Amino acid sequence: MTDWDDAYANGAYIAGADDFPPRWAERAADWRSVEHAIGRARLNLSYGEGARNRLDLFLPAGRPTGLVVFVHGGYWRAFDNKSWSHLAAGATARGWAVAMPCYTLAPEARISEITQEVRQAAEKAATLVEGPIVLAGHSAGGHLVARMLCRDVALSKDVEDRLQRVVPISPLCDLRPLLNTTMNEDFQMDTAEAEAESPMLEKTPRDIPVTVWVGGDERPVFLDQARWLAEAWPRAELHIADGLHHFNVIDGLEEPDSPLTNALLA
C-alpha cells in the first residue's frame, strides 16, 4: 500500500534540506535590496483585496522585451514571493521584466481560490509591462501557471493574445493523489475539486507552447507528474534536468544563459 505522505515528501530525501529556505531568503533579500536601490524594483504592488495579494516587479536595465510571471511553490501552504527575488536575475539580465506574486495560503484559501488569485496577479502584471508574456512556476506554482492554460480560467483577451510560453517546473498536474495525504486537511479538497484543479485533465488547453521542466533526481511522483502533463497536452514538451532535485532545479533561473532560462525565453 502506497504511503502517499512519504511519496510526496521532498525534504526528507534531499541532503541539507533545512538549509535551503534560509539560503533562498537571504539571497533573495540581498538581490532585491540592490535592485531596489538602483531603481529597478517596484515592491508590494497590489493586485487584489487580500492581505497577500501583492507582487514585486523587477525591471531590466532598458525597455523590457516582455514580462515573465514567476509563481512560487510550497504546496500552496508555505512561503511567499520574497524568498525568490534572486530568481529574476537571469531574465532581467536578458532584458525581460519579472513579476513575482504572493497569494493566500491554504487553509485560508482553497486551491481553486489560489488559482484565481494567480490569474488576477498575471492580469495586473500585464498592465505594467508591454510585450509577450511568459508564465513560470515551481512545484505548486507550476500547477498554478499550468492552470492558466485551462479553459475555465477566464484570462482577458489581452493576456491570452500575449502569452508566449508556459514553463511549469516540477509541477503538480494531477491533484487526485493528494486526496490521500494528510496535507488535504489543509486543502479540504473533495474529488470534484481535485479533478477541476488538475491541469492534465484539461482536454483542450490554450494553444500555447509548454515546457515541463523537472529534475532527474526528484521523487518518482514528481517525475510522473511532469510526464503526465507533457503527455496530456499536445503542445507540451518534457525536459528532465539530470542531477537536479526538487530544491535546486530552479537555480538556473538566476543565470541568463542557463538551460532553464533559455527554455523560458525561447
Protein backbone atom coordinates (compact mmCIF):
# COMPACT_ATOMS: atom_id res chain seq x y z
CA MET A 1 0.00 0.00 0.00
CA THR A 2 1.40 3.40 -1.02
CA ASP A 3 2.36 5.84 1.72
CA TRP A 4 1.22 8.97 -0.08
CA ASP A 5 2.64 11.37 2.51
CA ASP A 6 6.07 9.83 2.01
CA ALA A 7 5.68 9.72 -1.76
CA TYR A 8 5.10 13.48 -1.92
CA ALA A 9 7.72 14.38 0.71
CA ASN A 10 10.75 16.18 -0.73
CA GLY A 11 12.82 17.44 2.18
CA ALA A 12 13.34 14.01 3.74
CA TYR A 13 15.14 12.89 0.59
CA ILE A 14 17.33 15.94 -0.03
CA ALA A 15 20.63 16.32 1.82
CA GLY A 16 20.72 19.56 3.82
CA ALA A 17 17.09 20.29 3.03
CA ASP A 18 16.64 22.54 6.06
CA ASP A 19 19.40 24.84 4.81
CA PHE A 20 17.66 25.71 1.58
CA PRO A 21 14.84 28.05 2.78
CA PRO A 22 17.07 30.41 4.81
CA ARG A 23 19.60 30.45 1.99
CA TRP A 24 16.90 31.30 -0.53
CA ALA A 25 15.56 34.08 1.69
CA GLU A 26 18.99 35.60 2.31
CA ARG A 27 20.00 35.52 -1.34
CA ALA A 28 16.63 36.96 -2.37
CA ALA A 29 16.83 39.79 0.18
CA ASP A 30 20.35 40.76 -0.90
CA TRP A 31 19.45 40.83 -4.58
CA ARG A 32 16.15 42.61 -4.02
CA SER A 33 17.77 45.35 -1.92
CA VAL A 34 20.32 46.09 -4.63
CA GLU A 35 17.69 46.19 -7.37
CA HIS A 36 15.51 48.46 -5.25
CA ALA A 37 18.42 50.79 -4.51
CA ILE A 38 19.17 51.27 -8.20
CA GLY A 39 15.51 51.82 -9.05
CA ARG A 40 14.81 48.54 -10.83
CA ALA A 41 12.38 47.05 -8.31
CA ARG A 42 8.77 48.02 -7.65
CA LEU A 43 7.73 46.24 -4.49
CA ASN A 44 4.45 45.24 -2.87
CA LEU A 45 2.15 46.28 -5.70
CA SER A 46 -1.47 45.40 -5.03
CA TYR A 47 -3.37 43.15 -7.42
CA GLY A 48 -6.38 42.30 -5.23
CA GLU A 49 -8.09 42.86 -1.92
CA GLY A 50 -6.41 40.11 0.13
CA ALA A 51 -3.58 40.82 2.55
CA ARG A 52 -1.23 38.68 0.46
CA ASN A 53 -2.46 39.95 -2.91
CA ARG A 54 0.81 41.72 -3.64
CA LEU A 55 3.50 41.35 -6.26
CA ASP A 56 7.06 42.55 -6.77
CA LEU A 57 8.14 43.71 -10.21
CA PHE A 58 11.80 43.60 -11.24
CA LEU A 59 12.88 45.56 -14.29
CA PRO A 60 15.80 45.21 -16.69
CA ALA A 61 18.27 47.99 -17.39
CA GLY A 62 16.42 49.14 -20.51
CA ARG A 63 12.96 48.90 -22.03
CA PRO A 64 11.58 45.41 -21.23
CA THR A 65 11.36 42.90 -24.07
CA GLY A 66 8.40 41.34 -22.29
CA LEU A 67 7.15 40.01 -18.99
CA VAL A 68 7.89 36.85 -17.03
CA VAL A 69 5.50 35.98 -14.19
CA PHE A 70 7.07 33.56 -11.71
CA VAL A 71 4.81 31.82 -9.17
CA HIS A 72 6.40 30.25 -6.10
CA GLY A 73 5.75 26.81 -4.65
CA GLY A 74 5.34 25.44 -1.14
CA TYR A 75 2.42 23.02 -1.58
CA TRP A 76 0.04 26.02 -1.60
CA ARG A 77 0.68 26.20 2.17
CA ALA A 78 4.08 27.86 2.63
CA PHE A 79 6.42 30.68 1.57
CA ASP A 80 5.71 33.96 -0.13
CA ASN A 81 7.21 35.85 -3.06
CA LYS A 82 10.07 37.33 -1.02
CA SER A 83 12.15 34.14 -0.93
CA TRP A 84 12.66 34.01 -4.68
CA SER A 85 13.59 37.52 -5.83
CA HIS A 86 17.06 36.40 -6.93
CA LEU A 87 15.49 34.04 -9.44
CA ALA A 88 14.53 37.11 -11.50
CA ALA A 89 18.22 37.78 -12.21
CA GLY A 90 18.53 35.60 -15.29
CA ALA A 91 15.52 37.01 -17.13
CA THR A 92 16.18 40.65 -16.20
CA ALA A 93 19.75 40.29 -17.46
CA ARG A 94 18.20 39.17 -20.76
CA GLY A 95 16.05 42.30 -20.91
CA TRP A 96 12.77 40.95 -19.52
CA ALA A 97 10.74 42.26 -16.59
CA VAL A 98 9.82 39.71 -13.92
CA ALA A 99 6.72 39.83 -11.70
CA MET A 100 6.63 37.67 -8.58
CA PRO A 101 3.23 37.48 -6.90
CA CYS A 102 2.31 36.35 -3.42
CA TYR A 103 -1.01 34.59 -2.79
CA THR A 104 -3.22 33.50 0.08
CA LEU A 105 -2.13 30.16 1.51
CA ALA A 106 -4.16 27.09 2.43
CA PRO A 107 -6.09 26.51 4.61
CA GLU A 108 -7.13 30.17 4.50
CA ALA A 109 -7.80 29.75 0.78
CA ARG A 110 -8.82 26.74 -1.25
CA ILE A 111 -6.59 25.77 -4.18
CA SER A 112 -9.35 26.86 -6.58
CA GLU A 113 -9.28 30.30 -4.96
CA ILE A 114 -5.48 30.48 -5.19
CA THR A 115 -5.78 29.72 -8.90
CA GLN A 116 -7.99 32.78 -9.32
CA GLU A 117 -5.58 34.95 -7.33
CA VAL A 118 -2.75 33.96 -9.69
CA ARG A 119 -4.97 34.86 -12.63
CA GLN A 120 -5.54 38.28 -11.05
CA ALA A 121 -1.82 38.72 -10.46
CA ALA A 122 -0.97 37.90 -14.06
CA GLU A 123 -3.61 40.32 -15.31
CA LYS A 124 -2.26 43.09 -13.07
CA ALA A 125 1.36 42.46 -14.07
CA ALA A 126 0.34 42.59 -17.73
CA THR A 127 -0.88 46.18 -17.27
CA LEU A 128 2.57 47.18 -16.02
CA VAL A 129 4.72 45.78 -18.83
CA GLU A 130 4.12 45.58 -22.56
CA GLY A 131 5.14 42.77 -24.87
CA PRO A 132 4.98 38.98 -24.77
CA ILE A 133 4.22 37.16 -21.52
CA VAL A 134 5.86 34.01 -20.19
CA LEU A 135 4.47 32.20 -17.15
CA ALA A 136 6.70 30.05 -14.95
CA GLY A 137 6.18 28.42 -11.58
CA HIS A 138 7.78 25.86 -9.31
CA SER A 139 6.00 22.87 -7.74
CA ALA A 140 2.61 24.21 -6.58
CA GLY A 141 3.50 27.29 -8.63
CA GLY A 142 3.98 25.01 -11.63
CA HIS A 143 0.45 23.77 -11.10
CA LEU A 144 -0.85 27.32 -10.87
CA VAL A 145 0.76 28.53 -14.11
CA ALA A 146 -0.41 25.39 -15.92
CA ARG A 147 -3.92 26.19 -14.74
CA MET A 148 -3.74 29.47 -16.63
CA LEU A 149 -3.97 27.45 -19.86
CA CYS A 150 -7.17 25.71 -18.78
CA ARG A 151 -10.34 26.98 -20.41
CA ASP A 152 -12.22 27.54 -17.16
CA VAL A 153 -9.67 30.20 -16.14
CA ALA A 154 -11.02 33.43 -17.64
CA LEU A 155 -7.97 35.24 -18.94
CA SER A 156 -8.51 38.56 -20.65
CA LYS A 157 -8.07 38.60 -24.42
CA ASP A 158 -5.04 40.87 -24.00
CA VAL A 159 -3.21 38.42 -21.74
CA GLU A 160 -4.24 35.38 -23.78
CA ASP A 161 -3.04 37.02 -27.00
CA ARG A 162 0.30 37.96 -25.44
CA LEU A 163 1.06 34.57 -23.89
CA GLN A 164 4.21 33.20 -25.48
CA ARG A 165 5.15 30.19 -23.33
CA VAL A 166 4.38 28.48 -20.03
CA VAL A 167 7.12 26.68 -18.07
CA PRO A 168 5.82 24.55 -15.19
CA ILE A 169 8.87 23.47 -13.14
CA SER A 170 8.38 20.23 -11.18
CA PRO A 171 4.63 20.81 -11.35
CA LEU A 172 1.72 19.04 -9.75
CA CYS A 173 -0.70 18.42 -12.59
CA ASP A 174 -2.96 15.73 -11.12
CA LEU A 175 -4.20 16.62 -7.64
CA ARG A 176 -6.19 13.44 -7.10
CA PRO A 177 -3.30 11.60 -5.37
CA LEU A 178 -3.11 14.44 -2.82
CA LEU A 179 -6.55 13.46 -1.55
CA ASN A 180 -4.71 10.58 0.13
CA THR A 181 -2.25 12.81 2.03
CA THR A 182 -2.56 14.50 5.39
CA MET A 183 -1.97 17.79 3.55
CA ASN A 184 -5.55 17.54 2.39
CA GLU A 185 -6.58 18.54 5.91
CA ASP A 186 -5.42 22.00 4.80
CA PHE A 187 -6.58 21.77 1.17
CA GLN A 188 -10.04 20.43 2.10
CA MET A 189 -10.41 19.10 -1.42
CA ASP A 190 -13.03 16.63 -2.49
CA THR A 191 -12.77 14.56 -5.66
CA ALA A 192 -14.65 17.14 -7.71
CA GLU A 193 -12.29 19.97 -6.80
CA ALA A 194 -9.20 17.79 -7.24
CA GLU A 195 -10.35 16.93 -10.74
CA ALA A 196 -11.30 20.50 -11.60
CA GLU A 197 -7.91 21.76 -10.41
CA SER A 198 -5.86 19.12 -12.27
CA PRO A 199 -4.37 20.64 -15.45
CA MET A 200 -3.65 17.27 -17.04
CA LEU A 201 -7.39 16.62 -17.22
CA GLU A 202 -7.94 19.70 -19.41
CA LYS A 203 -8.77 18.28 -22.84
CA THR A 204 -8.41 21.49 -24.85
CA PRO A 205 -5.73 23.68 -23.24
CA ARG A 206 -4.97 27.06 -24.71
CA ASP A 207 -2.77 26.73 -27.78
CA ILE A 208 0.46 27.92 -26.18
CA PRO A 209 3.85 26.14 -26.14
CA VAL A 210 4.60 24.49 -22.80
CA THR A 211 7.96 23.29 -21.49
CA VAL A 212 7.59 20.99 -18.50
CA TRP A 213 10.87 21.05 -16.56
CA VAL A 214 11.76 18.57 -13.82
CA GLY A 215 14.89 17.42 -12.03
CA GLY A 216 16.21 13.96 -12.82
CA ASP A 217 16.84 13.27 -9.12
CA GLU A 218 13.34 14.22 -7.97
CA ARG A 219 10.93 11.93 -6.19
CA PRO A 220 9.32 9.40 -8.55
CA VAL A 221 5.89 11.00 -8.17
CA PHE A 222 7.21 14.36 -9.39
CA LEU A 223 8.77 12.73 -12.43
CA ASP A 224 5.42 11.04 -13.01
CA GLN A 225 3.50 14.30 -12.61
CA ALA A 226 5.78 16.05 -15.12
CA ARG A 227 5.41 13.24 -17.65
CA TRP A 228 1.65 13.14 -17.24
CA LEU A 229 1.30 16.81 -18.16
CA ALA A 230 3.70 16.57 -21.09
CA GLU A 231 1.82 13.54 -22.40
CA ALA A 232 -1.62 15.05 -21.86
CA TRP A 233 -1.10 18.32 -23.71
CA PRO A 234 -0.26 18.33 -27.43
CA ARG A 235 1.99 21.42 -27.30
CA ALA A 236 3.89 20.36 -24.18
CA GLU A 237 7.43 19.02 -24.19
CA LEU A 238 9.26 17.43 -21.28
CA HIS A 239 12.81 18.26 -20.15
CA ILE A 240 14.44 16.20 -17.40
CA ALA A 241 17.39 18.08 -15.89
CA ASP A 242 19.89 15.40 -14.92
CA GLY A 243 21.35 15.52 -11.42
CA LEU A 244 18.92 18.10 -10.03
CA HIS A 245 16.42 17.61 -7.23
CA HIS A 246 13.24 19.42 -6.25
CA PHE A 247 15.02 22.22 -4.36
CA ASN A 248 17.85 23.09 -6.77
CA VAL A 249 16.02 22.55 -10.06
CA ILE A 250 15.09 26.26 -10.04
CA ASP A 251 18.63 27.58 -9.53
CA GLY A 252 19.18 28.09 -13.25
CA LEU A 253 16.73 31.00 -13.25
CA GLU A 254 19.47 33.11 -11.65
CA GLU A 255 21.70 32.74 -14.70
CA PRO A 256 20.98 34.49 -18.01
CA ASP A 257 22.38 31.69 -20.18
CA SER A 258 21.35 28.60 -18.22
CA PRO A 259 19.37 25.89 -19.98
CA LEU A 260 16.33 26.76 -17.85
CA THR A 261 16.47 30.48 -18.65
CA ASN A 262 16.99 29.66 -22.31
CA ALA A 263 13.91 27.42 -22.23
CA LEU A 264 11.93 30.15 -20.51
CA LEU A 265 12.77 32.80 -23.08
CA ALA A 266 12.90 30.59 -26.16
